[in-house]
Amino acid sequence: MFTNLQPLATAVLAHVFLGEHVTPQFIGGALVVISGVVLAQLRAPRTAAEGPPEPA
């Protein structure tokens, strides 16, 4: 989870310490990244006892 948020954290720190500008594209990209992380975390984790999914 944290690996996916590293670019976002880097951009925020660059804004704070280096004065980089936050653009609408940055905000849109940040929302996409955060949404992806949330969706990945909401999915129920599979346990080894469940085995592989059945073929369709």
PDB file of N, CA and C in Angstrom:
ATOM      1  N   MET A   1       0.826  -1.185   0.000  1.00  0.00           N
ATOM      2  CA  MET A   1       0.000   0.000   0.000  1.00  0.00           C
ATOM      3  C   MET A   1       0.875   1.255   0.000  1.00  0.00           C
ATOM      4  N   PHE A   2       1.900   1.273   0.845  1.00  0.00           N
ATOM      5  CA  PHE A   2       2.705   2.480   0.962  1.00  0.00           C
ATOM      6  C   PHE A   2       3.533   2.739  -0.288  1.00  0.00           C
ATOM      7  N   THR A   3       3.913   1.680  -0.987  1.00  0.00           N
ATOM      8  CA  THR A   3       4.700   1.850  -2.210  1.00  0.00           C
ATOM      9  C   THR A   3       3.915   2.630  -3.253  1.00  0.00           C
ATOM     10  N   ASN A   4       2.613   2.410  -3.320  1.00  0.00           N
ATOM     11  CA  ASN A   4       1.782   3.116  -4.289  1.00  0.00           C
ATOM     12  C   ASN A   4       1.637   4.596  -3.966  1.00  0.00           C
ATOM     13  N   LEU A   5       1.819   4.955  -2.719  1.00  0.00           N
ATOM     14  CA  LEU A   5       1.646   6.357  -2.309  1.00  0.00           C
ATOM     15  C   LEU A   5       2.948   7.144  -2.284  1.00  0.00           C
ATOM     16  N   GLN A   6       4.079   6.503  -2.549  1.00  0.00           N
ATOM     17  CA  GLN A   6       5.358   7.218  -2.506  1.00  0.00           C
ATOM     18  C   GLN A   6       5.442   8.385  -3.499  1.00  0.00           C
ATOM     19  N   PRO A   7       5.013   8.221  -4.755  1.00  0.00           N
ATOM     20  CA  PRO A   7       5.071   9.374  -5.667  1.00  0.00           C
ATOM     21  C   PRO A   7       4.221  10.543  -5.186  1.00  0.00           C
ATOM     22  N   LEU A   8       3.076  10.242  -4.607  1.00  0.00           N
ATOM     23  CA  LEU A   8       2.213  11.296  -4.084  1.00  0.00           C
ATOM     24  C   LEU A   8       2.889  12.014  -2.915  1.00  0.00           C
ATOM     25  N   ALA A   9       3.484  11.244  -2.011  1.00  0.00           N
ATOM     26  CA  ALA A   9       4.185  11.839  -0.871  1.00  0.00           C
ATOM     27  C   ALA A   9       5.371  12.675  -1.343  1.00  0.00           C
ATOM     28  N   THR A  10       6.073  12.192  -2.348  1.00  0.00           N
ATOM     29  CA  THR A  10       7.209  12.936  -2.893  1.00  0.00           C
ATOM     30  C   THR A  10       6.758  14.265  -3.471  1.00  0.00           C
ATOM     31  N   ALA A  11       5.665  14.260  -4.192  1.00  0.00           N
ATOM     32  CA  ALA A  11       5.160  15.498  -4.790  1.00  0.00           C
ATOM     33  C   ALA A  11       4.716  16.486  -3.715  1.00  0.00           C
ATOM     34  N   VAL A  12       4.068  15.979  -2.673  1.00  0.00           N
ATOM     35  CA  VAL A  12       3.636  16.868  -1.578  1.00  0.00           C
ATOM     36  C   VAL A  12       4.855  17.466  -0.872  1.00  0.00           C
ATOM     37  N   LEU A  13       5.855  16.647  -0.604  1.00  0.00           N
ATOM     38  CA  LEU A  13       7.069  17.152   0.042  1.00  0.00           C
ATOM     39  C   LEU A  13       7.811  18.143  -0.849  1.00  0.00           C
ATOM     40  N   ALA A  14       7.796  17.913  -2.162  1.00  0.00           N
ATOM     41  CA  ALA A  14       8.419  18.861  -3.089  1.00  0.00           C
ATOM     42  C   ALA A  14       7.691  20.195  -3.050  1.00  0.00           C
ATOM     43  N   HIS A  15       6.379  20.151  -2.898  1.00  0.00           N
ATOM     44  CA  HIS A  15       5.614  21.395  -2.782  1.00  0.00           C
ATOM     45  C   HIS A  15       5.962  22.131  -1.498  1.00  0.00           C
ATOM     46  N   VAL A  16       6.058  21.393  -0.409  1.00  0.00           N
ATOM     47  CA  VAL A  16       6.314  22.011   0.894  1.00  0.00           C
ATOM     48  C   VAL A  16       7.734  22.567   0.980  1.00  0.00           C
ATOM     49  N   PHE A  17       8.720  21.752   0.591  1.00  0.00           N
ATOM     50  CA  PHE A  17      10.119  22.145   0.809  1.00  0.00           C
ATOM     51  C   PHE A  17      10.763  22.870  -0.369  1.00  0.00           C
ATOM     52  N   LEU A  18      10.294  22.604  -1.580  1.00  0.00           N
ATOM     53  CA  LEU A  18      10.940  23.185  -2.759  1.00  0.00           C
ATOM     54  C   LEU A  18      10.083  24.210  -3.480  1.00  0.00           C
ATOM     55  N   GLY A  19       8.860  24.390  -3.024  1.00  0.00           N
ATOM     56  CA  GLY A  19       7.996  25.389  -3.630  1.00  0.00           C
ATOM     57  C   GLY A  19       7.417  24.984  -4.975  1.00  0.00           C
ATOM     58  N   GLU A  20       7.349  23.685  -5.263  1.00  0.00           N
ATOM     59  CA  GLU A  20       6.751  23.224  -6.518  1.00  0.00           C
ATOM     60  C   GLU A  20       5.270  23.602  -6.532  1.00  0.00           C
ATOM     61  N   HIS A  21       4.750  23.869  -7.720  1.00  0.00           N
ATOM     62  CA  HIS A  21       3.362  24.297  -7.848  1.00  0.00           C
ATOM     63  C   HIS A  21       2.428  23.091  -7.926  1.00  0.00           C
ATOM     64  N   VAL A  22       1.297  23.206  -7.247  1.00  0.00           N
ATOM     65  CA  VAL A  22       0.258  22.177  -7.316  1.00  0.00           C
ATOM     66  C   VAL A  22      -0.712  22.599  -8.405  1.00  0.00           C
ATOM     67  N   THR A  23      -0.841  21.755  -9.428  1.00  0.00           N
ATOM     68  CA  THR A  23      -1.717  22.060 -10.564  1.00  0.00           C
ATOM     69  C   THR A  23      -2.978  21.212 -10.491  1.00  0.00           C
ATOM     70  N   PRO A  24      -3.987  21.572 -11.271  1.00  0.00           N
ATOM     71  CA  PRO A  24      -5.188  20.725 -11.323  1.00  0.00           C
ATOM     72  C   PRO A  24      -4.868  19.296 -11.783  1.00  0.00           C
ATOM     73  N   GLN A  25      -3.895  19.155 -12.668  1.00  0.00           N
ATOM     74  CA  GLN A  25      -3.499  17.821 -13.121  1.00  0.00           C
ATOM     75  C   GLN A  25      -2.909  17.021 -11.957  1.00  0.00           C
ATOM     76  N   PHE A  26      -2.139  17.676 -11.112  1.00  0.00           N
ATOM     77  CA  PHE A  26      -1.569  17.005  -9.935  1.00  0.00           C
ATOM     78  C   PHE A  26      -2.680  16.517  -9.010  1.00  0.00           C
ATOM     79  N   ILE A  27      -3.649  17.363  -8.764  1.00  0.00           N
ATOM     80  CA  ILE A  27      -4.755  16.993  -7.879  1.00  0.00           C
ATOM     81  C   ILE A  27      -5.552  15.837  -8.483  1.00  0.00           C
ATOM     82  N   GLY A  28      -5.814  15.892  -9.780  1.00  0.00           N
ATOM     83  CA  GLY A  28      -6.521  14.800 -10.453  1.00  0.00           C
ATOM     84  C   GLY A  28      -5.750  13.496 -10.376  1.00  0.00           C
ATOM     85  N   GLY A  29      -4.454  13.557 -10.618  1.00  0.00           N
ATOM     86  CA  GLY A  29      -3.620  12.361 -10.532  1.00  0.00           C
ATOM     87  C   GLY A  29      -3.571  11.812  -9.119  1.00  0.00           C
ATOM     88  N   ALA A  30      -3.496  12.699  -8.144  1.00  0.00           N
ATOM     89  CA  ALA A  30      -3.479  12.265  -6.745  1.00  0.00           C
ATOM     90  C   ALA A  30      -4.781  11.552  -6.393  1.00  0.00           C
ATOM     91  N   LEU A  31      -5.897  12.060  -6.880  1.00  0.00           N
ATOM     92  CA  LEU A  31      -7.187  11.412  -6.608  1.00  0.00           C
ATOM     93  C   LEU A  31      -7.261  10.030  -7.260  1.00  0.00           C
ATOM     94  N   VAL A  32      -6.695   9.901  -8.455  1.00  0.00           N
ATOM     95  CA  VAL A  32      -6.687   8.597  -9.120  1.00  0.00           C
ATOM     96  C   VAL A  32      -5.844   7.601  -8.325  1.00  0.00           C
ATOM     97  N   VAL A  33      -4.668   8.038  -7.871  1.00  0.00           N
ATOM     98  CA  VAL A  33      -3.785   7.152  -7.102  1.00  0.00           C
ATOM     99  C   VAL A  33      -4.456   6.740  -5.797  1.00  0.00           C
ATOM    100  N   ILE A  34      -5.008   7.688  -5.071  1.00  0.00           N
ATOM    101  CA  ILE A  34      -5.651   7.381  -3.793  1.00  0.00           C
ATOM    102  C   ILE A  34      -6.850   6.464  -4.002  1.00  0.00           C
ATOM    103  N   SER A  35      -7.629   6.704  -5.055  1.00  0.00           N
ATOM    104  CA  SER A  35      -8.777   5.844  -5.343  1.00  0.00           C
ATOM    105  C   SER A  35      -8.330   4.412  -5.627  1.00  0.00           C
ATOM    106  N   GLY A  36      -7.261   4.271  -6.386  1.00  0.00           N
ATOM    107  CA  GLY A  36      -6.747   2.936  -6.682  1.00  0.00           C
ATOM    108  C   GLY A  36      -6.289   2.206  -5.438  1.00  0.00           C
ATOM    109  N   VAL A  37      -5.621   2.904  -4.554  1.00  0.00           N
ATOM    110  CA  VAL A  37      -5.158   2.284  -3.308  1.00  0.00           C
ATOM    111  C   VAL A  37      -6.349   1.879  -2.445  1.00  0.00           C
ATOM    112  N   VAL A  38      -7.338   2.742  -2.355  1.00  0.00           N
ATOM    113  CA  VAL A  38      -8.527   2.425  -1.547  1.00  0.00           C
ATOM    114  C   VAL A  38      -9.256   1.218  -2.125  1.00  0.00           C
ATOM    115  N   LEU A  39      -9.438   1.184  -3.436  1.00  0.00           N
ATOM    116  CA  LEU A  39     -10.121   0.056  -4.056  1.00  0.00           C
ATOM    117  C   LEU A  39      -9.351  -1.245  -3.842  1.00  0.00           C
ATOM    118  N   ALA A  40      -8.044  -1.189  -3.935  1.00  0.00           N
ATOM    119  CA  ALA A  40      -7.233  -2.391  -3.721  1.00  0.00           C
ATOM    120  C   ALA A  40      -7.326  -2.871  -2.282  1.00  0.00           C
ATOM    121  N   GLN A  41      -7.434  -1.956  -1.339  1.00  0.00           N
ATOM    122  CA  GLN A  41      -7.505  -2.343   0.069  1.00  0.00           C
ATOM    123  C   GLN A  41      -8.895  -2.823   0.461  1.00  0.00           C
ATOM    124  N   LEU A  42      -9.928  -2.375  -0.234  1.00  0.00           N
ATOM    125  CA  LEU A  42     -11.292  -2.790   0.097  1.00  0.00           C
ATOM    126  C   LEU A  42     -11.584  -4.215  -0.357  1.00  0.00           C
ATOM    127  N   ARG A  43     -10.867  -4.672  -1.352  1.00  0.00           N
ATOM    128  CA  ARG A  43     -11.062  -6.031  -1.855  1.00  0.00           C
ATOM    129  C   ARG A  43     -10.662  -7.021  -0.764  1.00  0.00           C
ATOM    130  N   ALA A  44     -11.519  -8.000  -0.530  1.00  0.00           N
ATOM    131  CA  ALA A  44     -11.261  -8.979   0.525  1.00  0.00           C
ATOM    132  C   ALA A  44     -10.017  -9.792   0.173  1.00  0.00           C
ATOM    133  N   PRO A  45      -9.084  -9.913   1.101  1.00  0.00           N
ATOM    134  CA  PRO A  45      -7.874 -10.696   0.817  1.00  0.00           C
ATOM    135  C   PRO A  45      -8.207 -12.183   0.731  1.00  0.00           C
ATOM    136  N   ARG A  46      -7.530 -12.858  -0.185  1.00  0.00           N
ATOM    137  CA  ARG A  46      -7.697 -14.299  -0.345  1.00  0.00           C
ATOM    138  C   ARG A  46      -6.761 -15.033   0.583  1.00  0.00           C
ATOM    139  N   THR A  47      -7.244 -16.085   1.165  1.00  0.00           N
ATOM    140  CA  THR A  47      -6.379 -16.910   2.013  1.00  0.00           C
ATOM    141  C   THR A  47      -5.919 -18.119   1.213  1.00  0.00           C
ATOM    142  N   ALA A  48      -4.867 -18.769   1.652  1.00  0.00           N
ATOM    143  CA  ALA A  48      -4.336 -19.941   0.965  1.00  0.00           C
ATOM    144  C   ALA A  48      -5.341 -21.090   0.990  1.00  0.00           C
ATOM    145  N   ALA A  49      -6.184 -21.152   1.999  1.00  0.00           N
ATOM    146  CA  ALA A  49      -7.151 -22.243   2.119  1.00  0.00           C
ATOM    147  C   ALA A  49      -8.239 -22.157   1.042  1.00  0.00           C
ATOM    148  N   GLU A  50      -8.503 -20.972   0.522  1.00  0.00           N
ATOM    149  CA  GLU A  50      -9.537 -20.809  -0.502  1.00  0.00           C
ATOM    150  C   GLU A  50      -9.105 -21.400  -1.829  1.00  0.00           C
ATOM    151  N   GLY A  51      -7.831 -21.391  -2.115  1.00  0.00           N
ATOM    152  CA  GLY A  51      -7.341 -21.918  -3.364  1.00  0.00           C
ATOM    153  C   GLY A  51      -7.551 -20.946  -4.513  1.00  0.00           C
ATOM    154  N   PRO A  52      -7.182 -21.378  -5.721  1.00  0.00           N
ATOM    155  CA  PRO A  52      -7.327 -20.487  -6.879  1.00  0.00           C
ATOM    156  C   PRO A  52      -8.802 -20.327  -7.264  1.00  0.00           C
ATOM    157  N   PRO A  53      -9.127 -19.262  -7.982  1.00  0.00           N
ATOM    158  CA  PRO A  53     -10.522 -19.065  -8.401  1.00  0.00           C
ATOM    159  C   PRO A  53     -10.920 -20.104  -9.447  1.00  0.00           C
ATOM    160  N   GLU A  54     -12.205 -20.402  -9.491  1.00  0.00           N
ATOM    161  CA  GLU A  54     -12.716 -21.354 -10.467  1.00  0.00           C
ATOM    162  C   GLU A  54     -12.671 -20.750 -11.858  1.00  0.00           C
ATOM    163  N   PRO A  55     -12.354 -21.560 -12.890  1.00  0.00           N
ATOM    164  CA  PRO A  55     -12.344 -21.001 -14.255  1.00  0.00           C
ATOM    165  C   PRO A  55     -13.751 -20.638 -14.692  1.00  0.00           C
ATOM    166  N   ALA A  56     -13.850 -19.622 -15.533  1.00  0.00           N
ATOM    167  CA  ALA A  56     -15.154 -19.141 -15.979  1.00  0.00           C
ATOM    168  C   ALA A  56     -15.702 -19.962 -17.127  1.00  0.00           C
TER     169      ALA A  56
END
